[in-house]
Amino acid sequence: MNKKVIIPAIVLGLVVTSAVAWKTGIASAHFGGSGENKDKMAEELAAKLNVSTDQVSTAMNQIRTEHQAERKAEVSTKLDLAVTDGVITAEQKQKILDKMAENQANRGEVRGQKGKNREAMEQWYKDNGIDFEKIHDYIGFGQGRGRNAQ
């Protein structure tokens, strides 16, 4: 085969594999989750692939953005079911989506405080008239949890 086809295919495969490893926690367990460690991982991967760090960082950011959009759509669908079931109102659904977006934007600031995050979220739900346990059945805490989790 032609080198112009093989090399990009290998690079793409390794970037996708790295992104999957990152998402599943394999890479983040090794490199941690901070921006500095992500940069280090991107640099090391770029060196191994003989591509620019910018290319790796861009690919990783695109994959992360795609996964976030998928998760938001999944949560929105599950919240629609909670609205249909009478667990929350449409207004509360929007508040939850807004809060999740806020939490995502602030994610780097609160690492390592999982217990505190859960307590804060439970209080936020209570303050907004949402039964934490019932809504938890729909969306859970973390990926792969909640009602109809695949």
Protein backbone atom coordinates (compact mmCIF):
# COMPACT_ATOMS: atom_id res chain seq x y z
CA MET A 1 0.00 0.00 0.00
CA ASN A 2 0.90 3.62 -0.40
CA LYS A 3 2.66 5.37 2.53
CA LYS A 4 0.31 8.35 2.07
CA VAL A 5 -2.58 6.10 3.05
CA ILE A 6 -0.95 3.88 5.68
CA ILE A 7 0.66 6.56 7.86
CA PRO A 8 -2.50 8.72 8.28
CA ALA A 9 -4.54 5.57 8.97
CA ILE A 10 -2.09 4.51 11.69
CA VAL A 11 -2.06 8.01 13.19
CA LEU A 12 -5.86 8.17 13.18
CA GLY A 13 -6.09 4.72 14.76
CA LEU A 14 -3.67 5.63 17.52
CA VAL A 15 -5.41 8.93 18.23
CA VAL A 16 -8.79 7.21 18.44
CA THR A 17 -7.36 4.46 20.64
CA SER A 18 -5.77 7.07 22.90
CA ALA A 19 -9.03 9.01 23.10
CA VAL A 20 -10.92 5.86 24.04
CA ALA A 21 -8.30 5.06 26.66
CA TRP A 22 -8.56 8.62 27.95
CA LYS A 23 -12.35 8.43 28.12
CA THR A 24 -12.35 5.10 29.93
CA GLY A 25 -9.82 6.35 32.43
CA ILE A 26 -6.88 4.21 31.40
CA ALA A 27 -4.80 7.16 30.28
CA SER A 28 -6.18 9.57 32.84
CA ALA A 29 -5.28 7.12 35.61
CA HIS A 30 -1.69 7.20 34.36
CA PHE A 31 -1.48 10.87 33.44
CA GLY A 32 -4.06 12.31 35.85
CA GLY A 33 -6.74 14.72 34.75
CA SER A 34 -5.15 18.14 34.97
CA GLY A 35 -4.44 20.32 31.96
CA GLU A 36 -0.70 19.96 32.53
CA ASN A 37 -0.93 16.17 32.45
CA LYS A 38 -3.15 16.21 29.37
CA ASP A 39 -0.56 18.39 27.66
CA LYS A 40 2.15 15.92 28.66
CA MET A 41 0.12 13.05 27.25
CA ALA A 42 -0.46 14.95 24.00
CA GLU A 43 3.27 15.70 23.74
CA GLU A 44 4.25 12.07 24.35
CA LEU A 45 1.65 10.76 21.90
CA ALA A 46 2.71 13.30 19.28
CA ALA A 47 6.34 12.24 19.67
CA LYS A 48 5.46 8.56 19.30
CA LEU A 49 3.32 9.26 16.23
CA ASN A 50 5.79 11.74 14.77
CA VAL A 51 3.07 14.39 14.39
CA SER A 52 2.68 17.82 15.95
CA THR A 53 1.40 18.21 19.49
CA ASP A 54 -1.20 20.61 18.10
CA GLN A 55 -2.60 17.84 15.87
CA VAL A 56 -2.95 15.46 18.81
CA SER A 57 -4.40 18.13 21.11
CA THR A 58 -6.89 19.19 18.45
CA ALA A 59 -8.00 15.60 17.87
CA MET A 60 -8.35 14.95 21.60
CA ASN A 61 -10.35 18.15 22.08
CA GLN A 62 -12.64 17.26 19.18
CA ILE A 63 -13.27 13.82 20.61
CA ARG A 64 -13.90 15.23 24.09
CA THR A 65 -16.34 17.79 22.66
CA GLU A 66 -18.16 15.07 20.71
CA HIS A 67 -18.47 12.90 23.82
CA GLN A 68 -19.77 15.83 25.85
CA ALA A 69 -22.41 16.55 23.20
CA GLU A 70 -23.42 12.88 23.13
CA ARG A 71 -23.71 12.82 26.93
CA LYS A 72 -25.79 16.02 26.95
CA ALA A 73 -28.17 14.58 24.33
CA GLU A 74 -28.44 11.33 26.30
CA VAL A 75 -29.19 13.19 29.54
CA SER A 76 -31.71 15.42 27.78
CA THR A 77 -33.54 12.35 26.47
CA LYS A 78 -33.59 10.79 29.93
CA LEU A 79 -34.82 14.06 31.43
CA ASP A 80 -37.61 14.14 28.83
CA LEU A 81 -38.71 10.80 30.23
CA ALA A 82 -38.58 12.21 33.78
CA VAL A 83 -40.80 15.10 32.62
CA THR A 84 -43.21 12.66 30.96
CA ASP A 85 -43.28 10.56 34.14
CA GLY A 86 -44.06 13.67 36.22
CA VAL A 87 -40.84 13.50 38.25
CA ILE A 88 -39.74 16.99 37.16
CA THR A 89 -41.18 19.89 35.17
CA ALA A 90 -39.85 21.13 31.84
CA GLU A 91 -38.49 24.17 33.70
CA GLN A 92 -36.63 21.92 36.15
CA LYS A 93 -35.25 19.91 33.23
CA GLN A 94 -33.76 23.10 31.78
CA LYS A 95 -32.33 24.06 35.17
CA ILE A 96 -30.64 20.66 35.40
CA LEU A 97 -29.17 20.99 31.89
CA ASP A 98 -27.94 24.51 32.72
CA LYS A 99 -26.39 23.29 35.98
CA MET A 100 -24.67 20.42 34.18
CA ALA A 101 -23.22 22.87 31.63
CA GLU A 102 -22.03 25.10 34.49
CA ASN A 103 -20.44 22.11 36.23
CA GLN A 104 -18.74 21.07 32.99
CA ALA A 105 -17.33 24.56 32.55
CA ASN A 106 -16.01 24.53 36.13
CA ARG A 107 -14.82 20.93 36.04
CA GLY A 108 -11.11 21.64 36.41
CA GLU A 109 -11.68 23.78 39.51
CA VAL A 110 -13.32 21.05 41.60
CA ARG A 111 -11.29 17.91 40.90
CA GLY A 112 -10.71 15.62 43.84
CA GLN A 113 -13.83 16.72 45.70
CA LYS A 114 -16.25 13.98 44.62
CA GLY A 115 -17.98 13.65 47.99
CA LYS A 116 -18.36 17.40 48.27
CA ASN A 117 -19.62 17.63 44.70
CA ARG A 118 -22.33 15.07 45.36
CA GLU A 119 -23.41 16.83 48.55
CA ALA A 120 -23.51 20.16 46.75
CA MET A 121 -25.57 18.66 43.92
CA GLU A 122 -27.99 17.04 46.36
CA GLN A 123 -28.47 20.45 48.01
CA TRP A 124 -28.88 22.15 44.63
CA TYR A 125 -31.60 19.66 43.66
CA LYS A 126 -33.34 20.21 47.01
CA ASP A 127 -33.14 24.00 46.59
CA ASN A 128 -34.78 23.64 43.18
CA GLY A 129 -37.58 21.35 44.38
CA ILE A 130 -36.19 18.24 42.66
CA ASP A 131 -36.19 14.86 44.39
CA PHE A 132 -32.52 13.84 44.14
CA GLU A 133 -33.17 10.11 44.50
CA LYS A 134 -35.89 10.09 41.85
CA ILE A 135 -33.91 12.11 39.32
CA HIS A 136 -30.83 10.04 40.12
CA ASP A 137 -32.82 7.04 38.85
CA TYR A 138 -33.00 8.77 35.45
CA ILE A 139 -29.59 10.35 35.00
CA GLY A 140 -27.41 8.90 37.75
CA PHE A 141 -24.09 10.34 38.76
CA GLY A 142 -21.43 9.61 36.19
CA GLN A 143 -21.43 7.83 32.89
CA GLY A 144 -23.35 4.60 32.45
CA ARG A 145 -25.59 5.19 35.43
CA GLY A 146 -29.23 6.01 35.71
CA ARG A 147 -32.37 4.70 34.14
CA ASN A 148 -32.02 2.98 30.78
CA ALA A 149 -28.23 3.05 30.99
CA GLN A 150 -26.74 1.09 28.15
